[in-house]
C-alpha atoms as a PDB file:
ATOM      1  CA  MET A   1    -147.455 208.604  26.494  1.00  0.00           C
ATOM      2  CA  GLN A   2    -143.918 206.962  26.057  1.00  0.00           C
ATOM      3  CA  THR A   3    -142.435 209.455  28.902  1.00  0.00           C
ATOM      4  CA  ALA A   4    -145.352 208.708  31.130  1.00  0.00           C
ATOM      5  CA  LEU A   5    -144.588 204.826  30.326  1.00  0.00           C
ATOM      6  CA  LYS A   6    -141.158 205.561  30.674  1.00  0.00           C
ATOM      7  CA  LYS A   7    -141.421 207.536  34.283  1.00  0.00           C
ATOM      8  CA  TYR A   8    -143.566 204.696  35.620  1.00  0.00           C
ATOM      9  CA  HIS A   9    -141.017 201.892  35.201  1.00  0.00           C
ATOM     10  CA  GLU A  10    -138.471 203.928  36.470  1.00  0.00           C
ATOM     11  CA  LEU A  11    -140.080 205.766  39.764  1.00  0.00           C
ATOM     12  CA  GLY A  12    -143.040 202.693  40.071  1.00  0.00           C
ATOM     13  CA  ASP A  13    -146.606 203.097  41.028  1.00  0.00           C
ATOM     14  CA  GLY A  14    -146.807 205.170  43.938  1.00  0.00           C
ATOM     15  CA  SER A  15    -143.948 207.594  42.631  1.00  0.00           C
ATOM     16  CA  VAL A  16    -145.958 209.658  38.880  1.00  0.00           C
ATOM     17  CA  PRO A  17    -149.267 210.914  39.407  1.00  0.00           C
ATOM     18  CA  TYR A  18    -151.322 209.164  37.559  1.00  0.00           C
ATOM     19  CA  SER A  19    -152.887 205.847  37.998  1.00  0.00           C
ATOM     20  CA  PHE A  20    -152.799 202.515  37.053  1.00  0.00           C
ATOM     21  CA  LYS A  21    -155.676 202.402  35.853  1.00  0.00           C
ATOM     22  CA  THR A  22    -154.431 205.006  32.654  1.00  0.00           C
ATOM     23  CA  VAL A  23    -150.636 203.523  32.747  1.00  0.00           C
ATOM     24  CA  SER A  24    -152.090 200.024  31.627  1.00  0.00           C
ATOM     25  CA  ALA A  25    -154.493 201.731  29.253  1.00  0.00           C
ATOM     26  CA  ILE A  26    -151.363 203.489  27.584  1.00  0.00           C
ATOM     27  CA  GLU A  27    -149.727 200.343  27.653  1.00  0.00           C
ATOM     28  CA  ASN A  28    -152.557 198.154  26.214  1.00  0.00           C
ATOM     29  CA  PHE A  29    -153.144 201.342  23.589  1.00  0.00           C
ATOM     30  CA  LEU A  30    -149.522 202.887  22.263  1.00  0.00           C
ATOM     31  CA  PRO A  31    -148.684 199.464  20.206  1.00  0.00           C
ATOM     32  CA  ARG A  32    -151.193 199.393  18.570  1.00  0.00           C
ATOM     33  CA  PHE A  33    -151.040 202.910  17.334  1.00  0.00           C
ATOM     34  CA  GLU A  34    -147.056 202.882  16.866  1.00  0.00           C
ATOM     35  CA  ALA A  35    -147.594 199.617  14.108  1.00  0.00           C
ATOM     36  CA  ALA A  36    -150.526 201.821  12.637  1.00  0.00           C
ATOM     37  CA  MET A  37    -148.194 204.725  12.804  1.00  0.00           C
ATOM     38  CA  GLN A  38    -145.005 202.755  11.506  1.00  0.00           C
ATOM     39  CA  ASN A  39    -147.331 201.294   8.502  1.00  0.00           C
ATOM     40  CA  TYR A  40    -148.691 204.327   7.131  1.00  0.00           C
ATOM     41  CA  LYS A  41    -145.421 205.918   7.479  1.00  0.00           C
ATOM     42  CA  GLN A  42    -143.399 203.137   5.533  1.00  0.00           C
ATOM     43  CA  SER A  43    -146.712 203.256   3.181  1.00  0.00           C
ATOM     44  CA  LEU A  44    -146.319 206.878   2.547  1.00  0.00           C
ATOM     45  CA  ALA A  45    -142.456 206.448   1.866  1.00  0.00           C
ATOM     46  CA  ALA A  46    -142.877 203.978  -1.076  1.00  0.00           C
ATOM     47  CA  GLN A  47    -145.700 205.592  -2.651  1.00  0.00           C
ATOM     48  CA  THR A  48    -142.904 208.844  -2.455  1.00  0.00           C
ATOM     49  CA  LYS A  49    -139.658 206.817  -3.547  1.00  0.00           C
ATOM     50  CA  ASN A  50    -142.270 205.403  -6.341  1.00  0.00           C
ATOM     51  CA  SER A  51    -143.452 208.393  -7.974  1.00  0.00           C
ATOM     52  CA  GLU A  52    -140.120 209.750 -10.018  1.00  0.00           C
ATOM     53  CA  LYS A  53    -139.514 206.839 -11.311  1.00  0.00           C
ATOM     54  CA  TYR A  54    -143.940 206.490 -12.398  1.00  0.00           C
ATOM     55  CA  GLN A  55    -143.438 210.047 -13.574  1.00  0.00           C
ATOM     56  CA  ASN A  56    -140.597 209.313 -15.744  1.00  0.00           C
ATOM     57  CA  LEU A  57    -142.523 206.385 -17.451  1.00  0.00           C
ATOM     58  CA  THR A  58    -146.008 208.261 -17.945  1.00  0.00           C
ATOM     59  CA  ALA A  59    -143.920 210.395 -20.257  1.00  0.00           C
ATOM     60  CA  THR A  60    -142.121 208.403 -21.903  1.00  0.00           C
ATOM     61  CA  ALA A  61    -145.104 205.846 -22.907  1.00  0.00           C
ATOM     62  CA  ARG A  62    -147.402 209.876 -23.927  1.00  0.00           C
ATOM     63  CA  MET A  63    -143.964 210.635 -25.935  1.00  0.00           C
ATOM     64  CA  TYR A  64    -144.745 207.484 -28.281  1.00  0.00           C
ATOM     65  CA  ILE A  65    -148.175 207.885 -28.554  1.00  0.00           C
ATOM     66  CA  SER A  66    -148.185 210.806 -29.417  1.00  0.00           C
ATOM     67  CA  HIS A  67    -145.498 209.969 -31.901  1.00  0.00           C
ATOM     68  CA  PHE A  68    -147.011 207.144 -33.259  1.00  0.00           C
ATOM     69  CA  ILE A  69    -150.616 209.321 -33.901  1.00  0.00           C
ATOM     70  CA  GLN A  70    -148.447 212.329 -35.634  1.00  0.00           C
ATOM     71  CA  VAL A  71    -146.946 209.003 -38.226  1.00  0.00           C
ATOM     72  CA  LEU A  72    -150.443 208.228 -38.173  1.00  0.00           C
ATOM     73  CA  ASN A  73    -150.859 211.106 -39.582  1.00  0.00           C
ATOM     74  CA  LEU A  74    -148.610 212.292 -41.874  1.00  0.00           C
ATOM     75  CA  ALA A  75    -148.704 209.188 -43.590  1.00  0.00           C
ATOM     76  CA  CYS A  76    -152.578 209.654 -44.117  1.00  0.00           C
ATOM     77  CA  ILE A  77    -151.630 213.140 -45.460  1.00  0.00           C
ATOM     78  CA  ARG A  78    -148.911 211.948 -48.385  1.00  0.00           C
ATOM     79  CA  GLY A  79    -152.265 209.411 -49.157  1.00  0.00           C
ATOM     80  CA  GLU A  80    -149.582 206.699 -48.115  1.00  0.00           C
ATOM     81  CA  ILE A  81    -152.807 205.190 -45.576  1.00  0.00           C
ATOM     82  CA  LYS A  82    -156.000 206.204 -46.302  1.00  0.00           C
ATOM     83  CA  PRO A  83    -157.795 208.258 -43.943  1.00  0.00           C
ATOM     84  CA  ASP A  84    -160.799 206.215 -43.416  1.00  0.00           C
ATOM     85  CA  LYS A  85    -158.349 203.477 -41.737  1.00  0.00           C
ATOM     86  CA  LYS A  86    -157.768 205.768 -38.829  1.00  0.00           C
ATOM     87  CA  THR A  87    -160.782 204.546 -37.297  1.00  0.00           C
ATOM     88  CA  PHE A  88    -159.478 201.359 -36.632  1.00  0.00           C
ATOM     89  CA  TYR A  89    -157.731 204.000 -33.610  1.00  0.00           C
ATOM     90  CA  ARG A  90    -160.642 205.535 -32.768  1.00  0.00           C
ATOM     91  CA  LEU A  91    -159.325 208.723 -34.130  1.00  0.00           C
ATOM     92  CA  LEU A  92    -161.871 211.075 -36.887  1.00  0.00           C
ATOM     93  CA  PRO A  93    -160.595 210.532 -40.890  1.00  0.00           C
ATOM     94  CA  HIS A  94    -159.726 214.358 -41.518  1.00  0.00           C
ATOM     95  CA  ASP A  95    -158.805 215.451 -38.144  1.00  0.00           C
ATOM     96  CA  ASN A  96    -155.323 215.333 -37.874  1.00  0.00           C
ATOM     97  CA  SER A  97    -154.389 216.697 -34.843  1.00  0.00           C
ATOM     98  CA  VAL A  98    -153.433 214.870 -31.740  1.00  0.00           C
ATOM     99  CA  PRO A  99    -155.909 213.970 -29.087  1.00  0.00           C
ATOM    100  CA  ASP A 100    -155.656 215.449 -25.356  1.00  0.00           C
ATOM    101  CA  LEU A 101    -153.123 212.824 -23.612  1.00  0.00           C
ATOM    102  CA  SER A 102    -152.883 215.347 -20.731  1.00  0.00           C
ATOM    103  CA  ASN A 103    -154.124 213.136 -17.151  1.00  0.00           C
ATOM    104  CA  ASP A 104    -153.135 209.345 -17.033  1.00  0.00           C
ATOM    105  CA  ASN A 105    -156.418 208.153 -17.818  1.00  0.00           C
ATOM    106  CA  LEU A 106    -156.324 209.753 -21.152  1.00  0.00           C
ATOM    107  CA  VAL A 107    -152.406 207.790 -21.978  1.00  0.00           C
ATOM    108  CA  LEU A 108    -154.109 204.473 -21.391  1.00  0.00           C
ATOM    109  CA  GLU A 109    -157.313 205.213 -23.524  1.00  0.00           C
ATOM    110  CA  TRP A 110    -155.071 206.681 -26.255  1.00  0.00           C
ATOM    111  CA  GLY A 111    -152.506 203.583 -26.228  1.00  0.00           C
ATOM    112  CA  LYS A 112    -155.035 200.608 -25.411  1.00  0.00           C
ATOM    113  CA  ASN A 113    -156.689 202.535 -28.976  1.00  0.00           C
ATOM    114  CA  ILE A 114    -152.993 203.006 -31.021  1.00  0.00           C
ATOM    115  CA  ILE A 115    -152.423 199.317 -30.292  1.00  0.00           C
ATOM    116  CA  GLU A 116    -154.988 197.758 -30.907  1.00  0.00           C
ATOM    117  CA  GLY A 117    -155.815 200.387 -33.719  1.00  0.00           C
ATOM    118  CA  GLU A 118    -152.753 199.459 -35.624  1.00  0.00           C
ATOM    119  CA  ALA A 119    -153.084 195.703 -34.965  1.00  0.00           C
ATOM    120  CA  GLU A 120    -156.477 195.680 -36.844  1.00  0.00           C
ATOM    121  CA  ARG A 121    -155.146 198.073 -39.191  1.00  0.00           C
ATOM    122  CA  ILE A 122    -152.276 195.432 -40.433  1.00  0.00           C
ATOM    123  CA  ARG A 123    -154.999 192.533 -40.123  1.00  0.00           C
ATOM    124  CA  THR A 124    -156.786 194.070 -42.762  1.00  0.00           C
ATOM    125  CA  GLY A 125    -153.676 194.001 -44.969  1.00  0.00           C
ATOM    126  CA  GLY A 126    -151.733 197.336 -44.222  1.00  0.00           C
ATOM    127  CA  ALA A 127    -147.977 197.865 -43.904  1.00  0.00           C
ATOM    128  CA  PRO A 128    -146.912 198.008 -40.120  1.00  0.00           C
ATOM    129  CA  ILE A 129    -145.773 201.831 -39.063  1.00  0.00           C
ATOM    130  CA  TYR A 130    -142.368 202.649 -38.174  1.00  0.00           C
ATOM    131  CA  ASN A 131    -140.293 204.921 -36.791  1.00  0.00           C
ATOM    132  CA  PRO A 132    -141.873 204.827 -33.567  1.00  0.00           C
ATOM    133  CA  ALA A 133    -142.619 200.647 -35.084  1.00  0.00           C
ATOM    134  CA  ILE A 134    -145.768 199.660 -32.657  1.00  0.00           C
ATOM    135  CA  GLY A 135    -144.601 196.834 -30.668  1.00  0.00           C
ATOM    136  CA  LYS A 136    -141.569 200.024 -28.872  1.00  0.00           C
ATOM    137  CA  VAL A 137    -145.086 201.697 -28.311  1.00  0.00           C
ATOM    138  CA  ARG A 138    -146.269 198.646 -27.063  1.00  0.00           C
ATOM    139  CA  VAL A 139    -143.571 197.961 -24.389  1.00  0.00           C
ATOM    140  CA  HIS A 140    -143.365 201.919 -22.837  1.00  0.00           C
ATOM    141  CA  TYR A 141    -147.211 201.287 -22.827  1.00  0.00           C
ATOM    142  CA  GLU A 142    -146.583 198.366 -20.578  1.00  0.00           C
ATOM    143  CA  GLN A 143    -144.365 199.331 -18.177  1.00  0.00           C
ATOM    144  CA  PHE A 144    -146.247 202.553 -17.792  1.00  0.00           C
ATOM    145  CA  LYS A 145    -149.689 200.832 -17.217  1.00  0.00           C
ATOM    146  CA  ASP A 146    -147.473 198.009 -15.029  1.00  0.00           C
ATOM    147  CA  SER A 147    -146.750 200.925 -12.748  1.00  0.00           C
ATOM    148  CA  TYR A 148    -149.833 202.924 -12.626  1.00  0.00           C
ATOM    149  CA  GLN A 149    -151.914 199.988 -11.297  1.00  0.00           C
ATOM    150  CA  ASP A 150    -148.777 199.132  -9.070  1.00  0.00           C
ATOM    151  CA  ARG A 151    -149.848 203.244  -7.524  1.00  0.00           C
ATOM    152  CA  LYS A 152    -152.972 202.496  -7.724  1.00  0.00           C
ATOM    153  CA  VAL A 153    -152.205 199.507  -5.023  1.00  0.00           C
ATOM    154  CA  MET A 154    -149.859 201.597  -3.621  1.00  0.00           C
ATOM    155  CA  ARG A 155    -152.149 204.222  -2.869  1.00  0.00           C
ATOM    156  CA  LYS A 156    -155.403 202.232  -1.914  1.00  0.00           C
ATOM    157  CA  ASN A 157    -152.770 200.865   0.800  1.00  0.00           C
ATOM    158  CA  THR A 158    -151.505 204.150   2.138  1.00  0.00           C
ATOM    159  CA  ASP A 159    -155.473 205.259   2.495  1.00  0.00           C
ATOM    160  CA  ARG A 160    -155.713 202.534   3.808  1.00  0.00           C
ATOM    161  CA  TYR A 161    -153.062 202.936   7.040  1.00  0.00           C
ATOM    162  CA  LEU A 162    -153.795 206.688   7.350  1.00  0.00           C
ATOM    163  CA  GLU A 163    -157.445 205.527   8.067  1.00  0.00           C
ATOM    164  CA  ALA A 164    -156.283 203.279  10.494  1.00  0.00           C
ATOM    165  CA  VAL A 165    -154.012 206.111  12.383  1.00  0.00           C
ATOM    166  CA  GLN A 166    -157.186 208.836  12.224  1.00  0.00           C
ATOM    167  CA  ASN A 167    -159.236 205.810  13.545  1.00  0.00           C
ATOM    168  CA  LEU A 168    -157.276 205.504  16.476  1.00  0.00           C
ATOM    169  CA  ARG A 169    -156.872 209.157  16.912  1.00  0.00           C
ATOM    170  CA  GLY A 170    -159.090 209.931  19.120  1.00  0.00           C
ATOM    171  CA  ASP A 171    -158.255 207.294  21.288  1.00  0.00           C
ATOM    172  CA  ALA A 172    -155.396 208.674  21.666  1.00  0.00           C
ATOM    173  CA  ASP A 173    -156.458 211.966  22.631  1.00  0.00           C
ATOM    174  CA  LYS A 174    -158.506 210.915  25.010  1.00  0.00           C
ATOM    175  CA  LEU A 175    -155.779 208.848  26.511  1.00  0.00           C
ATOM    176  CA  ILE A 176    -153.553 212.178  26.280  1.00  0.00           C
ATOM    177  CA  LEU A 177    -156.102 214.626  27.928  1.00  0.00           C
ATOM    178  CA  ASP A 178    -156.523 212.131  30.554  1.00  0.00           C
ATOM    179  CA  LEU A 179    -154.059 212.136  31.049  1.00  0.00           C
ATOM    180  CA  TRP A 180    -152.341 215.341  30.878  1.00  0.00           C
ATOM    181  CA  ASN A 181    -155.220 216.029  33.782  1.00  0.00           C
ATOM    182  CA  GLN A 182    -153.782 213.527  36.269  1.00  0.00           C
ATOM    183  CA  ILE A 183    -150.598 214.936  35.580  1.00  0.00           C
ATOM    184  CA  GLU A 184    -151.214 219.158  36.341  1.00  0.00           C
ATOM    185  CA  GLY A 185    -152.998 217.315  39.155  1.00  0.00           C
ATOM    186  CA  GLY A 186    -150.794 216.300  40.540  1.00  0.00           C
ATOM    187  CA  PHE A 187    -148.824 218.804  41.367  1.00  0.00           C
ATOM    188  CA  ALA A 188    -151.242 221.963  41.031  1.00  0.00           C
ATOM    189  CA  GLY A 189    -150.268 223.602  44.879  1.00  0.00           C
ATOM    190  CA  LEU A 190    -146.999 224.099  43.987  1.00  0.00           C
ATOM    191  CA  GLY A 191    -147.551 227.100  41.755  1.00  0.00           C
ATOM    192  CA  THR A 192    -148.117 227.123  38.219  1.00  0.00           C
ATOM    193  CA  GLU A 193    -143.899 227.477  37.384  1.00  0.00           C
ATOM    194  CA  MET A 194    -143.257 224.505  39.331  1.00  0.00           C
ATOM    195  CA  MET A 195    -145.851 222.943  37.891  1.00  0.00           C
ATOM    196  CA  GLN A 196    -145.311 222.997  34.875  1.00  0.00           C
ATOM    197  CA  GLN A 197    -142.022 222.509  35.539  1.00  0.00           C
ATOM    198  CA  LYS A 198    -142.932 219.174  37.122  1.00  0.00           C
ATOM    199  CA  SER A 199    -145.091 218.275  34.767  1.00  0.00           C
ATOM    200  CA  LYS A 200    -142.830 218.718  31.204  1.00  0.00           C
ATOM    201  CA  GLY A 201    -141.131 215.817  33.083  1.00  0.00           C
ATOM    202  CA  PHE A 202    -143.540 213.391  32.668  1.00  0.00           C
ATOM    203  CA  GLY A 203    -143.877 214.248  28.727  1.00  0.00           C
ATOM    204  CA  VAL A 204    -146.733 216.785  28.776  1.00  0.00           C
ATOM    205  CA  VAL A 205    -145.328 219.884  26.336  1.00  0.00           C
ATOM    206  CA  TYR A 206    -146.641 223.546  26.835  1.00  0.00           C
ATOM    207  CA  TYR A 207    -146.858 225.810  23.793  1.00  0.00           C
ATOM    208  CA  LEU A 208    -147.351 229.647  23.502  1.00  0.00           C
ATOM    209  CA  ARG A 209    -148.772 231.853  21.334  1.00  0.00           C
ATOM    210  CA  ARG A 210    -147.151 234.213  19.266  1.00  0.00           C
ATOM    211  CA  LYS A 211    -148.502 236.903  21.233  1.00  0.00           C
ATOM    212  CA  GLU A 212    -147.269 234.402  24.591  1.00  0.00           C
ATOM    213  CA  ARG A 213    -144.213 234.564  23.656  1.00  0.00           C
ATOM    214  CA  LYS A 214    -143.334 237.841  23.280  1.00  0.00           C
ATOM    215  CA  ALA A 215    -144.794 239.177  26.053  1.00  0.00           C
ATOM    216  CA  LEU A 216    -142.697 236.776  28.340  1.00  0.00           C
ATOM    217  CA  GLU A 217    -139.547 237.859  26.499  1.00  0.00           C
ATOM    218  CA  ALA A 218    -140.392 241.447  27.335  1.00  0.00           C
ATOM    219  CA  ALA A 219    -141.183 240.779  30.856  1.00  0.00           C
ATOM    220  CA  GLY A 220    -137.619 238.181  30.820  1.00  0.00           C
ATOM    221  CA  GLY A 221    -139.952 235.257  31.754  1.00  0.00           C
ATOM    222  CA  ASP A 222    -138.687 231.637  31.329  1.00  0.00           C
ATOM    223  CA  LEU A 223    -138.676 230.115  27.691  1.00  0.00           C
ATOM    224  CA  SER A 224    -137.465 227.254  29.114  1.00  0.00           C
ATOM    225  CA  LEU A 225    -140.717 224.963  30.053  1.00  0.00           C
ATOM    226  CA  PHE A 226    -142.268 225.811  26.859  1.00  0.00           C
ATOM    227  CA  ALA A 227    -141.650 224.317  23.292  1.00  0.00           C
ATOM    228  CA  GLU A 228    -139.945 225.954  21.086  1.00  0.00           C
ATOM    229  CA  ASP A 229    -142.344 225.986  18.183  1.00  0.00           C
ATOM    230  CA  ASP A 230    -145.351 228.947  18.460  1.00  0.00           C
ATOM    231  CA  TYR A 231    -148.809 227.699  19.070  1.00  0.00           C
ATOM    232  CA  GLU A 232    -149.775 228.790  15.399  1.00  0.00           C
ATOM    233  CA  ASP A 233    -153.987 230.420  16.063  1.00  0.00           C
ATOM    234  CA  PHE A 234    -156.216 232.272  13.571  1.00  0.00           C
ATOM    235  CA  GLU A 235    -154.101 235.112  14.058  1.00  0.00           C
ATOM    236  CA  THR A 236    -152.338 237.486  11.200  1.00  0.00           C
ATOM    237  CA  GLU A 237    -148.703 239.234  11.449  1.00  0.00           C
ATOM    238  CA  GLU A 238    -151.007 242.477  10.478  1.00  0.00           C
ATOM    239  CA  SER A 239    -153.490 241.474  13.187  1.00  0.00           C
ATOM    240  CA  GLU A 240    -150.803 241.817  15.777  1.00  0.00           C
END
């Protein structure tokens, strides 16, 4: 569409094989579509850039929560803390395993349980656990939690921008098909090869299936009219 629009402004009305109505429709549509694509790409780039930081914060929070629970279990085994006090943390008194922390929601859940449980146990007269202290666990947990919320917002924005692009795809396809038909129709009397050559100058891109490219190469045909990438159909190498 961009090439067709550029050609129209270069050559003027009457010198291109498509109507002013089509040009007007493209000029109205293209800025909206490009803006939607730009919003989506920027949002996806920001989400991707944030991903490594998020993974690091998640791993650190998981490690501190796991270490705290292990220290709590050891303190119970040594008799320093009564096992029934583990219920403050929503842990079973005589289960000394670390709960499942394999996904982000579980890290959120158990981080909250551990922080609230330690506060409640100390409030009832218990001595604080150290190495790691709950303050340090809280810092890493809150950093992870903030990043988790930011990631949710980024994902929602990216999904929203993608939906906006997808909603415009139908209109884009209709405009492209109409433009394609008009361009090819304008050069239809010149023969297939010349029609394709002329149409290419107005932005029409032709693709070959793998079989077609091989056949054209074998026949010594002109491949310059076609895009370098093959059209990927549903045939496999074995079926060829």
